[in-house]
Amino acid sequence: MEYRQLGRTGLRVSTFTLGTMGFGGTGWAGPVGQIDVDGAREQIAIARDAGVNLIDTADVYSAGLSEEILGEALGSARDQVLIATKARMPMGDGPNDAGLSRHHIMRAAEASLRRLKTDYIDLYQVHEWDGQTPLEETLTALDDLVRSGKVRYIGASNYAAWHLMKALAISDARHLERFASQQIYYSLQNRDAETELVPVSIDQGLGILVWSPLAGGLLSGKYRRGVEPPAGSRHLSEWSEPPVNDEDKLYDTIEAAVTIGQAHGVSAARVSLAYLLAKPAVTSLIVGARTPEQLRDNLAAADLRLSPDEITTLDEVSGEPLRYPYWHQAKTSADRLGPADLSLMRRFVGG
């Protein structure tokens, strides 16, 4: 297992993170899995044996049950791993039971600490944008949590690039704790993140944690063109996260991953994960699984190295045209592009 520094911090995290959305698996999280405490202990043991040192959860996963199960399953081993959790989503029906106000952040952090049976959170992440709460209020509250010792590092999730830049500018100007990372959706199924989120991470020194790197299982290899998905599959049906806007392109991408996997004697899932680990600014991929076998297969991708030609093949089959203003910059400004620019435009301009 490789360990990468989280953004500009000195914290080193494994290139794979154990995801816990399936711990508990109640309500809307039910289709992801229904893993109890014993199952969680097994998954944690498998992950730790593979070298994983970061576990990701959120207060909203099964209305807090995921955090409770994680805390119970870790027990005395809590200090041997890093815990990341999140706040922002509704945790009740009250007018202040959601959002990123100081009120909600402080209450949410204290509740997560209780559920996790710990006195500190290694990485506390705002789960989603809140356009109605001033960023100064949110960032000051997060800074207070860090200064109190209840939180070690902070991160954002599902922010747009301008959201991140505004937040970082406020933190820098007011000498507040800075986001160390962002947690984003990024996969061969949809590479939108490469347009602005990856470049801003390179430019601003943010680590990237990737949620759903297999597109919720779409890239596992079990979804093939003309083949009925296995019983119990949740995608290409009523489950719409991530959305599939071009099924033909998705199937072409899956076939390319399957072919490359066959050449290596591994699954399409491992190929899809290894592809992301070779991408700029990516720190860690969050993987969750319904079964121990799936988890072991996903974690084995840590040992897979794709050739430049294989990466190019996957780039081309899953890629999209440049959006404005980037196609214009590629045409007229290729002589003065920086590292962040080239993370998006290198394959269009060469070099």
Protein backbone atom coordinates (compact mmCIF):
# COMPACT_ATOMS: atom_id res chain seq x y z
CA MET A 1 0.00 0.00 0.00
CA GLU A 2 1.29 3.44 -0.92
CA TYR A 3 0.84 6.41 1.40
CA ARG A 4 0.40 9.93 0.07
CA GLN A 5 0.42 13.24 1.89
CA LEU A 6 -2.97 14.83 2.28
CA GLY A 7 -2.63 18.09 0.39
CA ARG A 8 -0.11 20.43 1.99
CA THR A 9 -0.35 18.73 5.38
CA GLY A 10 2.14 16.32 6.87
CA LEU A 11 -0.56 13.65 7.26
CA ARG A 12 0.02 10.52 5.21
CA VAL A 13 -2.98 8.49 4.15
CA SER A 14 -3.26 5.20 2.31
CA THR A 15 -4.18 5.31 -1.37
CA PHE A 16 -7.30 3.38 -0.44
CA THR A 17 -9.83 4.46 2.18
CA LEU A 18 -12.47 2.17 3.64
CA GLY A 19 -15.94 3.56 2.95
CA THR A 20 -18.73 2.84 5.41
CA MET A 21 -21.97 3.88 3.73
CA GLY A 22 -23.03 0.24 3.91
CA PHE A 23 -22.52 0.06 7.68
CA GLY A 24 -26.06 -0.17 8.99
CA GLY A 25 -27.63 0.25 5.58
CA THR A 26 -30.98 1.67 6.64
CA GLY A 27 -33.25 4.05 4.74
CA TRP A 28 -31.86 5.35 1.46
CA ALA A 29 -28.50 3.66 2.20
CA GLY A 30 -30.13 0.22 2.21
CA PRO A 31 -29.19 -0.69 -1.40
CA VAL A 32 -25.51 -0.06 -0.61
CA GLY A 33 -25.35 -2.78 2.04
CA GLN A 34 -26.58 -3.84 5.48
CA ILE A 35 -23.34 -4.44 7.36
CA ASP A 36 -23.62 -5.02 11.10
CA VAL A 37 -20.92 -4.65 13.78
CA ASP A 38 -19.42 -8.09 13.13
CA GLY A 39 -19.35 -7.42 9.39
CA ALA A 40 -17.77 -4.04 10.02
CA ARG A 41 -15.06 -5.64 12.16
CA GLU A 42 -14.30 -8.06 9.34
CA GLN A 43 -14.08 -5.31 6.73
CA ILE A 44 -11.90 -3.16 8.98
CA ALA A 45 -9.56 -6.11 9.55
CA ILE A 46 -9.31 -6.79 5.81
CA ALA A 47 -8.62 -3.13 5.09
CA ARG A 48 -6.01 -2.77 7.82
CA ASP A 49 -4.26 -5.98 6.75
CA ALA A 50 -3.99 -4.41 3.27
CA GLY A 51 -2.43 -1.28 4.77
CA VAL A 52 -5.47 1.01 4.82
CA ASN A 53 -5.16 3.66 7.53
CA LEU A 54 -8.16 5.91 6.74
CA ILE A 55 -11.87 5.13 7.25
CA ASP A 56 -14.54 7.47 5.90
CA THR A 57 -18.07 7.88 7.19
CA ALA A 58 -20.72 10.61 7.60
CA ASP A 59 -23.36 11.49 10.15
CA VAL A 60 -26.11 11.13 7.55
CA TYR A 61 -25.24 7.52 6.66
CA SER A 62 -28.16 5.55 8.08
CA ALA A 63 -29.01 8.51 10.32
CA GLY A 64 -25.88 8.10 12.43
CA LEU A 65 -25.88 4.30 12.57
CA SER A 66 -22.81 4.03 10.35
CA GLU A 67 -20.81 6.13 12.81
CA GLU A 68 -22.13 4.09 15.75
CA ILE A 69 -21.18 0.81 14.11
CA LEU A 70 -17.74 2.14 13.19
CA GLY A 71 -17.10 3.32 16.73
CA GLU A 72 -18.22 -0.01 18.19
CA ALA A 73 -16.25 -2.07 15.67
CA LEU A 74 -13.03 -0.13 16.18
CA GLY A 75 -13.10 -0.23 19.96
CA SER A 76 -9.60 0.10 21.42
CA ALA A 77 -8.08 0.21 17.91
CA ARG A 78 -9.44 3.70 17.31
CA ASP A 79 -6.02 5.40 17.73
CA GLN A 80 -4.48 3.06 15.15
CA VAL A 81 -6.52 4.47 12.26
CA LEU A 82 -7.61 7.83 10.90
CA ILE A 83 -11.32 8.64 10.90
CA ALA A 84 -12.97 11.02 8.44
CA THR A 85 -16.59 12.04 8.84
CA LYS A 86 -18.89 14.72 7.47
CA ALA A 87 -21.69 17.12 8.38
CA ARG A 88 -24.20 19.24 6.48
CA MET A 89 -27.11 16.99 5.54
CA PRO A 90 -30.42 16.90 7.48
CA MET A 91 -30.22 14.99 10.77
CA GLY A 92 -33.72 15.86 11.92
CA ASP A 93 -36.84 17.82 11.01
CA GLY A 94 -35.97 21.03 12.82
CA PRO A 95 -35.07 24.26 11.00
CA ASN A 96 -31.47 24.05 12.26
CA ASP A 97 -30.94 20.32 11.80
CA ALA A 98 -29.07 20.81 8.51
CA GLY A 99 -26.67 23.21 6.86
CA LEU A 100 -23.30 24.70 7.77
CA SER A 101 -24.25 27.25 10.39
CA ARG A 102 -22.09 27.47 13.52
CA HIS A 103 -25.06 26.04 15.43
CA HIS A 104 -25.38 22.96 13.26
CA ILE A 105 -21.65 22.32 12.83
CA MET A 106 -20.98 22.39 16.57
CA ARG A 107 -23.94 20.14 17.37
CA ALA A 108 -23.08 17.77 14.53
CA ALA A 109 -19.44 17.46 15.59
CA GLU A 110 -20.36 16.70 19.19
CA ALA A 111 -22.92 14.11 18.06
CA SER A 112 -20.38 12.44 15.75
CA LEU A 113 -17.82 12.28 18.54
CA ARG A 114 -20.35 10.52 20.78
CA ARG A 115 -21.39 8.04 18.10
CA LEU A 116 -17.80 7.28 17.13
CA LYS A 117 -16.77 6.85 20.78
CA THR A 118 -13.79 9.13 20.33
CA ASP A 119 -12.63 12.52 21.53
CA TYR A 120 -11.24 13.69 18.19
CA ILE A 121 -11.96 13.45 14.47
CA ASP A 122 -8.95 13.25 12.16
CA LEU A 123 -10.64 14.78 9.10
CA TYR A 124 -13.91 16.69 9.45
CA GLN A 125 -15.53 17.46 6.12
CA VAL A 126 -18.41 19.69 5.10
CA HIS A 127 -20.52 17.27 3.11
CA GLU A 128 -22.08 19.69 0.64
CA TRP A 129 -22.34 23.37 -0.24
CA ASP A 130 -24.56 25.65 1.84
CA GLY A 131 -25.31 28.78 -0.19
CA GLN A 132 -27.35 30.40 2.57
CA THR A 133 -24.75 30.43 5.34
CA PRO A 134 -21.83 32.88 5.08
CA LEU A 135 -18.57 31.04 4.53
CA GLU A 136 -17.01 33.13 7.29
CA GLU A 137 -19.43 31.56 9.78
CA THR A 138 -18.75 28.03 8.57
CA LEU A 139 -14.98 28.42 8.44
CA THR A 140 -14.74 30.11 11.84
CA ALA A 141 -16.73 27.28 13.41
CA LEU A 142 -14.44 24.69 11.79
CA ASP A 143 -11.38 26.63 12.93
CA ASP A 144 -12.70 26.62 16.49
CA LEU A 145 -13.11 22.83 16.34
CA VAL A 146 -9.49 22.46 15.25
CA ARG A 147 -8.20 24.83 17.94
CA SER A 148 -10.20 22.94 20.57
CA GLY A 149 -8.49 19.68 19.60
CA LYS A 150 -11.74 17.98 18.62
CA VAL A 151 -10.79 18.04 14.93
CA ARG A 152 -7.32 17.62 13.42
CA TYR A 153 -7.89 18.59 9.77
CA ILE A 154 -10.83 19.91 7.75
CA GLY A 155 -12.01 19.23 4.22
CA ALA A 156 -14.79 20.00 1.77
CA SER A 157 -16.94 17.68 -0.31
CA ASN A 158 -19.02 18.27 -3.43
CA TYR A 159 -17.94 21.90 -3.76
CA ALA A 160 -17.57 23.70 -7.08
CA ALA A 161 -14.14 25.17 -7.84
CA TRP A 162 -15.33 28.72 -7.12
CA HIS A 163 -16.74 27.55 -3.78
CA LEU A 164 -13.32 26.18 -2.89
CA MET A 165 -11.43 29.27 -4.01
CA LYS A 166 -13.73 31.57 -2.07
CA ALA A 167 -13.35 29.45 1.06
CA LEU A 168 -9.58 29.23 0.74
CA ALA A 169 -9.29 32.98 0.18
CA ILE A 170 -11.30 33.68 3.34
CA SER A 171 -9.24 31.19 5.36
CA ASP A 172 -5.97 32.68 4.14
CA ALA A 173 -7.06 36.28 4.71
CA ARG A 174 -8.37 35.59 8.23
CA HIS A 175 -5.70 33.07 9.23
CA LEU A 176 -8.28 30.34 9.71
CA GLU A 177 -7.69 26.61 9.31
CA ARG A 178 -7.57 25.80 5.61
CA PHE A 179 -9.29 22.93 3.84
CA ALA A 180 -6.68 20.19 3.47
CA SER A 181 -8.67 18.18 0.96
CA GLN A 182 -11.79 17.82 -1.05
CA GLN A 183 -13.87 14.67 -1.45
CA ILE A 184 -15.33 14.41 -4.94
CA TYR A 185 -16.97 12.07 -7.41
CA TYR A 186 -14.46 11.05 -10.07
CA SER A 187 -14.38 7.91 -12.19
CA LEU A 188 -13.99 6.56 -15.70
CA GLN A 189 -17.77 6.85 -15.96
CA ASN A 190 -17.63 10.62 -15.57
CA ARG A 191 -14.49 12.74 -15.59
CA ASP A 192 -16.13 16.14 -15.04
CA ALA A 193 -13.82 16.68 -12.07
CA GLU A 194 -10.87 17.10 -14.41
CA THR A 195 -12.26 20.35 -15.81
CA GLU A 196 -11.81 22.48 -12.67
CA LEU A 197 -11.72 20.45 -9.46
CA VAL A 198 -8.47 18.64 -10.23
CA PRO A 199 -6.72 21.80 -11.48
CA VAL A 200 -7.74 23.79 -8.40
CA SER A 201 -6.42 20.99 -6.19
CA ILE A 202 -3.06 21.10 -7.94
CA ASP A 203 -2.90 24.89 -7.80
CA GLN A 204 -4.02 25.19 -4.16
CA GLY A 205 -2.38 22.08 -2.73
CA LEU A 206 -5.54 20.17 -1.85
CA GLY A 207 -5.65 16.43 -1.50
CA ILE A 208 -8.37 14.59 -3.39
CA LEU A 209 -10.40 11.79 -1.82
CA VAL A 210 -12.56 10.09 -4.44
CA TRP A 211 -15.99 8.81 -3.56
CA SER A 212 -17.57 6.11 -5.70
CA PRO A 213 -14.49 5.52 -7.90
CA LEU A 214 -16.31 2.55 -9.46
CA ALA A 215 -19.40 4.65 -10.17
CA GLY A 216 -21.36 2.71 -7.57
CA GLY A 217 -20.36 -0.58 -9.18
CA LEU A 218 -21.04 0.36 -12.80
CA LEU A 219 -17.33 -0.14 -13.55
CA SER A 220 -17.06 -3.46 -11.74
CA GLY A 221 -17.44 -5.46 -14.96
CA LYS A 222 -20.82 -6.95 -14.08
CA TYR A 223 -22.65 -4.40 -16.24
CA ARG A 224 -22.04 -5.29 -19.89
CA ARG A 225 -23.73 -4.28 -23.11
CA GLY A 226 -26.57 -6.66 -23.93
CA VAL A 227 -26.22 -8.59 -20.67
CA GLU A 228 -28.85 -8.54 -17.96
CA PRO A 229 -27.38 -7.07 -14.75
CA PRO A 230 -27.13 -9.49 -11.79
CA ALA A 231 -30.10 -9.76 -9.46
CA GLY A 232 -30.07 -7.04 -6.85
CA SER A 233 -28.12 -4.58 -8.98
CA ARG A 234 -29.21 -1.03 -8.23
CA HIS A 235 -27.86 0.87 -11.22
CA LEU A 236 -29.45 1.66 -14.57
CA SER A 237 -32.76 1.42 -12.71
CA GLU A 238 -34.26 3.66 -10.02
CA TRP A 239 -30.83 4.40 -8.45
CA SER A 240 -29.55 7.55 -10.14
CA GLU A 241 -26.25 8.32 -8.40
CA PRO A 242 -24.11 8.81 -10.35
CA PRO A 243 -26.36 9.70 -13.29
CA VAL A 244 -25.67 7.91 -16.57
CA ASN A 245 -26.13 10.31 -19.47
CA ASP A 246 -24.55 8.20 -22.21
CA GLU A 247 -24.99 4.45 -21.85
CA ASP A 248 -23.13 3.66 -25.09
CA LYS A 249 -20.07 5.53 -23.90
CA LEU A 250 -20.31 3.82 -20.52
CA TYR A 251 -20.42 0.37 -22.12
CA ASP A 252 -17.50 1.23 -24.41
CA THR A 253 -15.49 2.27 -21.35
CA ILE A 254 -16.41 -0.91 -19.48
CA GLU A 255 -15.36 -3.06 -22.44
CA ALA A 256 -11.98 -1.30 -22.57
CA ALA A 257 -11.47 -1.90 -18.84
CA VAL A 258 -12.50 -5.55 -19.20
CA THR A 259 -10.05 -6.06 -22.08
CA ILE A 260 -7.16 -4.46 -20.19
CA GLY A 261 -8.08 -6.46 -17.11
CA GLN A 262 -7.99 -9.72 -19.05
CA ALA A 263 -4.47 -8.88 -20.21
CA HIS A 264 -3.40 -8.51 -16.58
CA GLY A 265 -5.54 -11.35 -15.24
CA VAL A 266 -7.53 -8.99 -13.02
CA SER A 267 -11.05 -7.56 -12.81
CA ALA A 268 -12.32 -4.48 -14.62
CA ALA A 269 -12.81 -2.97 -11.17
CA ARG A 270 -9.10 -3.15 -10.41
CA VAL A 271 -8.29 -1.54 -13.76
CA SER A 272 -10.74 1.31 -13.12
CA LEU A 273 -9.24 1.95 -9.68
CA ALA A 274 -5.63 1.75 -10.85
CA TYR A 275 -6.45 4.26 -13.59
CA LEU A 276 -7.60 6.85 -11.03
CA LEU A 277 -4.57 6.32 -8.80
CA ALA A 278 -2.37 7.31 -11.74
CA LYS A 279 -4.19 10.65 -12.11
CA PRO A 280 -2.82 13.99 -10.85
CA ALA A 281 -3.65 15.16 -7.30
CA VAL A 282 -5.56 11.98 -6.37
CA THR A 283 -4.68 11.04 -2.80
CA SER A 284 -6.99 8.17 -1.92
CA LEU A 285 -9.92 6.20 -3.35
CA ILE A 286 -12.83 5.44 -1.03
CA VAL A 287 -14.01 1.88 -1.54
CA GLY A 288 -16.87 0.15 0.16
CA ALA A 289 -18.18 -3.31 -0.57
CA ARG A 290 -21.11 -5.51 0.26
CA THR A 291 -18.90 -8.57 0.69
CA PRO A 292 -15.38 -9.28 1.94
CA GLU A 293 -14.49 -10.73 -1.46
CA GLN A 294 -15.40 -7.50 -3.24
CA LEU A 295 -13.38 -5.49 -0.75
CA ARG A 296 -10.29 -7.68 -1.17
CA ASP A 297 -10.51 -7.41 -4.96
CA ASN A 298 -10.82 -3.62 -4.83
CA LEU A 299 -7.89 -3.23 -2.43
CA ALA A 300 -5.73 -5.45 -4.63
CA ALA A 301 -5.77 -2.65 -7.21
CA ALA A 302 -3.06 -1.01 -5.08
CA ASP A 303 -0.60 -3.40 -6.73
CA LEU A 304 -1.73 -2.87 -10.32
CA ARG A 305 0.28 -0.56 -12.59
CA LEU A 306 -1.17 0.30 -15.98
CA SER A 307 1.08 1.07 -18.91
CA PRO A 308 1.03 4.53 -20.55
CA ASP A 309 -0.69 2.99 -23.57
CA GLU A 310 -3.40 1.43 -21.39
CA ILE A 311 -4.02 4.74 -19.65
CA THR A 312 -4.22 6.46 -23.03
CA THR A 313 -6.78 3.90 -24.21
CA LEU A 314 -8.95 4.57 -21.18
CA ASP A 315 -8.45 8.33 -21.53
CA GLU A 316 -9.70 8.25 -25.09
CA VAL A 317 -12.71 5.97 -24.62
CA SER A 318 -13.98 7.84 -21.55
CA GLY A 319 -12.90 11.38 -22.42
CA GLU A 320 -15.00 14.38 -23.41
CA PRO A 321 -14.26 17.42 -25.58
CA LEU A 322 -12.78 20.45 -23.88
CA ARG A 323 -15.31 22.98 -22.65
CA TYR A 324 -14.99 26.73 -23.08
CA PRO A 325 -12.71 28.51 -22.24
CA TYR A 326 -10.34 25.55 -22.22
CA TRP A 327 -10.61 24.68 -25.92
CA HIS A 328 -9.78 28.30 -26.68
CA GLN A 329 -6.83 28.27 -24.28
CA ALA A 330 -5.56 25.03 -25.77
CA LYS A 331 -5.64 26.63 -29.21
CA THR A 332 -4.16 30.02 -28.37
CA SER A 333 -2.22 29.71 -25.09
CA ALA A 334 -0.50 26.34 -25.24
CA ASP A 335 2.88 28.05 -24.97
CA ARG A 336 2.21 29.30 -21.42
CA LEU A 337 0.15 26.64 -19.65
CA GLY A 338 1.02 25.70 -16.08
CA PRO A 339 0.87 22.33 -14.28
CA ALA A 340 -2.76 22.83 -13.21
CA ASP A 341 -3.79 23.72 -16.77
CA LEU A 342 -1.94 20.76 -18.23
CA SER A 343 -3.66 18.29 -15.92
CA LEU A 344 -6.69 18.90 -18.14
CA MET A 345 -5.20 19.93 -21.47
CA ARG A 346 -2.02 17.91 -21.88
CA ARG A 347 -3.61 15.29 -24.13
CA PHE A 348 -5.01 18.07 -26.34
CA VAL A 349 -1.84 20.13 -26.68
CA GLY A 350 0.86 17.49 -26.28
CA GLY A 351 3.92 17.73 -24.05
